[in-house]
Amino acid sequence: MPVETDADLRLFINEDDWAVPCHWTSTGGATDFPAIFDAEYQLITSPFLDGGAEGSTPQITMCAVDVPALAAHGDAVIVNFGTVKAALYTVVEFKPDGTGMTVVRLQEAS
């Protein structure tokens, strides 16, 4: 059981600092919440590739209480990067960390 309250955890997910507004659509409806977006660089090497293939692993870190009750793989998440740019992603993986936070791995929607 986490020591922090949900209000304590929300201090880390603050749009005035580094979080961005997000919109999640699932079979149970839609919800808006703040999350920290990250797209870590990855180099995938293979003996069949000359130098490897570059990519990223987009993910959001959010308060676990903000994950919709009927959230599922394949749900749509819109990440807003400002007034002129937003990106649509599909949920690929849930990684709750046991402290009241959840990392959700995303894939760019086509």
C-alpha atoms as a PDB file:
ATOM      1  CA  MET A   1       0.000   0.000   0.000  1.00  0.00           C
ATOM      2  CA  PRO A   2       1.472   3.374  -0.975  1.00  0.00           C
ATOM      3  CA  VAL A   3       2.255   5.880   1.735  1.00  0.00           C
ATOM      4  CA  GLU A   4       1.328   8.834  -0.480  1.00  0.00           C
ATOM      5  CA  THR A   5      -2.257   9.838  -1.070  1.00  0.00           C
ATOM      6  CA  ASP A   6      -3.679  10.381  -4.554  1.00  0.00           C
ATOM      7  CA  ALA A   7      -3.371  14.130  -3.920  1.00  0.00           C
ATOM      8  CA  ASP A   8       0.330  13.682  -3.104  1.00  0.00           C
ATOM      9  CA  LEU A   9       0.932  11.769  -6.326  1.00  0.00           C
ATOM     10  CA  ARG A  10      -0.812  14.458  -8.378  1.00  0.00           C
ATOM     11  CA  LEU A  11       1.945  16.870  -7.293  1.00  0.00           C
ATOM     12  CA  PHE A  12       4.293  14.885  -9.556  1.00  0.00           C
ATOM     13  CA  ILE A  13       1.857  14.940 -12.476  1.00  0.00           C
ATOM     14  CA  ASN A  14       1.403  18.685 -12.811  1.00  0.00           C
ATOM     15  CA  GLU A  15       0.710  20.450 -16.124  1.00  0.00           C
ATOM     16  CA  ASP A  16       2.414  23.582 -14.785  1.00  0.00           C
ATOM     17  CA  ASP A  17       5.676  21.629 -14.682  1.00  0.00           C
ATOM     18  CA  TRP A  18       6.278  18.710 -17.044  1.00  0.00           C
ATOM     19  CA  ALA A  19       2.959  16.932 -17.535  1.00  0.00           C
ATOM     20  CA  VAL A  20       0.766  17.295 -20.619  1.00  0.00           C
ATOM     21  CA  PRO A  21      -3.020  16.962 -20.963  1.00  0.00           C
ATOM     22  CA  CYS A  22      -4.224  13.616 -22.298  1.00  0.00           C
ATOM     23  CA  HIS A  23      -7.554  12.170 -23.413  1.00  0.00           C
ATOM     24  CA  TRP A  24      -8.276   8.420 -23.106  1.00  0.00           C
ATOM     25  CA  THR A  25     -11.129   6.747 -24.985  1.00  0.00           C
ATOM     26  CA  SER A  26     -12.171   3.225 -23.957  1.00  0.00           C
ATOM     27  CA  THR A  27     -15.297   1.090 -24.099  1.00  0.00           C
ATOM     28  CA  GLY A  28     -16.328   2.558 -20.735  1.00  0.00           C
ATOM     29  CA  GLY A  29     -16.230   6.135 -22.022  1.00  0.00           C
ATOM     30  CA  ALA A  30     -13.663   8.903 -22.187  1.00  0.00           C
ATOM     31  CA  THR A  31     -11.598  10.714 -19.576  1.00  0.00           C
ATOM     32  CA  ASP A  32      -9.137  13.609 -19.464  1.00  0.00           C
ATOM     33  CA  PHE A  33      -6.078  13.553 -17.210  1.00  0.00           C
ATOM     34  CA  PRO A  34      -2.514  14.882 -16.978  1.00  0.00           C
ATOM     35  CA  ALA A  35       0.440  12.572 -17.639  1.00  0.00           C
ATOM     36  CA  ILE A  36       4.174  12.736 -18.202  1.00  0.00           C
ATOM     37  CA  PHE A  37       5.002  11.800 -21.804  1.00  0.00           C
ATOM     38  CA  ASP A  38       8.310  10.182 -22.703  1.00  0.00           C
ATOM     39  CA  ALA A  39       9.570   8.684 -25.963  1.00  0.00           C
ATOM     40  CA  GLU A  40      12.896   7.080 -25.140  1.00  0.00           C
ATOM     41  CA  TYR A  41      15.257   6.536 -28.076  1.00  0.00           C
ATOM     42  CA  GLN A  42      15.959   2.934 -29.048  1.00  0.00           C
ATOM     43  CA  LEU A  43      18.501   1.420 -31.402  1.00  0.00           C
ATOM     44  CA  ILE A  44      17.539  -2.054 -32.560  1.00  0.00           C
ATOM     45  CA  THR A  45      20.547  -3.954 -33.835  1.00  0.00           C
ATOM     46  CA  SER A  46      20.492  -6.997 -36.063  1.00  0.00           C
ATOM     47  CA  PRO A  47      23.052  -8.827 -38.140  1.00  0.00           C
ATOM     48  CA  PHE A  48      20.706  -8.193 -41.076  1.00  0.00           C
ATOM     49  CA  LEU A  49      20.698  -4.411 -40.604  1.00  0.00           C
ATOM     50  CA  ASP A  50      23.633  -2.186 -41.414  1.00  0.00           C
ATOM     51  CA  GLY A  51      23.947  -0.142 -38.217  1.00  0.00           C
ATOM     52  CA  GLY A  52      20.506  -0.963 -36.846  1.00  0.00           C
ATOM     53  CA  ALA A  53      17.086   0.615 -36.892  1.00  0.00           C
ATOM     54  CA  GLU A  54      16.189   3.663 -34.848  1.00  0.00           C
ATOM     55  CA  GLY A  55      12.914   4.154 -33.058  1.00  0.00           C
ATOM     56  CA  SER A  56      11.288   5.245 -29.862  1.00  0.00           C
ATOM     57  CA  THR A  57       9.114   3.764 -27.169  1.00  0.00           C
ATOM     58  CA  PRO A  58       6.411   6.339 -26.386  1.00  0.00           C
ATOM     59  CA  GLN A  59       4.835   6.031 -22.967  1.00  0.00           C
ATOM     60  CA  ILE A  60       2.943   8.042 -20.390  1.00  0.00           C
ATOM     61  CA  THR A  61       3.324   7.999 -16.625  1.00  0.00           C
ATOM     62  CA  MET A  62       0.052   8.710 -14.863  1.00  0.00           C
ATOM     63  CA  CYS A  63      -1.698   8.345 -11.524  1.00  0.00           C
ATOM     64  CA  ALA A  64      -3.161   4.834 -11.285  1.00  0.00           C
ATOM     65  CA  VAL A  65      -6.536   6.251 -10.196  1.00  0.00           C
ATOM     66  CA  ASP A  66      -6.757   8.031 -13.580  1.00  0.00           C
ATOM     67  CA  VAL A  67      -6.567   4.766 -15.558  1.00  0.00           C
ATOM     68  CA  PRO A  68     -10.136   4.122 -16.781  1.00  0.00           C
ATOM     69  CA  ALA A  69     -11.903   1.199 -15.104  1.00  0.00           C
ATOM     70  CA  LEU A  70     -12.467  -0.569 -18.438  1.00  0.00           C
ATOM     71  CA  ALA A  71      -9.071   0.324 -19.928  1.00  0.00           C
ATOM     72  CA  ALA A  72      -7.789  -2.232 -22.419  1.00  0.00           C
ATOM     73  CA  HIS A  73      -5.070  -2.810 -24.961  1.00  0.00           C
ATOM     74  CA  GLY A  74      -6.004  -1.020 -28.178  1.00  0.00           C
ATOM     75  CA  ASP A  75      -7.678   1.961 -26.478  1.00  0.00           C
ATOM     76  CA  ALA A  76      -7.007   5.391 -27.995  1.00  0.00           C
ATOM     77  CA  VAL A  77      -5.009   8.044 -26.131  1.00  0.00           C
ATOM     78  CA  ILE A  78      -4.537  11.580 -27.422  1.00  0.00           C
ATOM     79  CA  VAL A  79      -1.489  13.379 -26.034  1.00  0.00           C
ATOM     80  CA  ASN A  80      -1.640  17.168 -26.353  1.00  0.00           C
ATOM     81  CA  PHE A  81       1.751  18.826 -26.770  1.00  0.00           C
ATOM     82  CA  GLY A  82       0.396  22.363 -26.931  1.00  0.00           C
ATOM     83  CA  THR A  83      -2.245  24.383 -28.678  1.00  0.00           C
ATOM     84  CA  VAL A  84      -1.190  23.334 -32.187  1.00  0.00           C
ATOM     85  CA  LYS A  85       0.093  19.780 -31.799  1.00  0.00           C
ATOM     86  CA  ALA A  86      -1.511  16.588 -30.566  1.00  0.00           C
ATOM     87  CA  ALA A  87      -0.743  12.952 -31.325  1.00  0.00           C
ATOM     88  CA  LEU A  88      -2.956   9.871 -31.375  1.00  0.00           C
ATOM     89  CA  TYR A  89      -1.628   6.680 -29.803  1.00  0.00           C
ATOM     90  CA  THR A  90      -2.886   3.164 -29.117  1.00  0.00           C
ATOM     91  CA  VAL A  91      -2.412   1.504 -25.707  1.00  0.00           C
ATOM     92  CA  VAL A  92       0.002  -1.431 -25.911  1.00  0.00           C
ATOM     93  CA  GLU A  93       0.926  -2.268 -22.303  1.00  0.00           C
ATOM     94  CA  PHE A  94       0.075  -1.341 -18.701  1.00  0.00           C
ATOM     95  CA  LYS A  95       2.836  -1.305 -16.095  1.00  0.00           C
ATOM     96  CA  PRO A  96       1.482  -0.405 -12.631  1.00  0.00           C
ATOM     97  CA  ASP A  97       4.425   0.144 -10.293  1.00  0.00           C
ATOM     98  CA  GLY A  98       2.701  -0.626  -6.988  1.00  0.00           C
ATOM     99  CA  THR A  99       3.127   2.921  -5.661  1.00  0.00           C
ATOM    100  CA  GLY A 100      -0.029   4.443  -7.130  1.00  0.00           C
ATOM    101  CA  MET A 101       1.502   5.299 -10.501  1.00  0.00           C
ATOM    102  CA  THR A 102       1.106   3.472 -13.832  1.00  0.00           C
ATOM    103  CA  VAL A 103       3.269   3.593 -16.931  1.00  0.00           C
ATOM    104  CA  VAL A 104       1.287   2.999 -20.111  1.00  0.00           C
ATOM    105  CA  ARG A 105       3.305   2.058 -23.174  1.00  0.00           C
ATOM    106  CA  LEU A 106       1.890   3.469 -26.405  1.00  0.00           C
ATOM    107  CA  GLN A 107       2.185   2.936 -30.136  1.00  0.00           C
ATOM    108  CA  GLU A 108       1.595   5.644 -32.706  1.00  0.00           C
ATOM    109  CA  ALA A 109      -1.803   5.155 -34.319  1.00  0.00           C
ATOM    110  CA  SER A 110      -1.876   4.922 -38.085  1.00  0.00           C
END
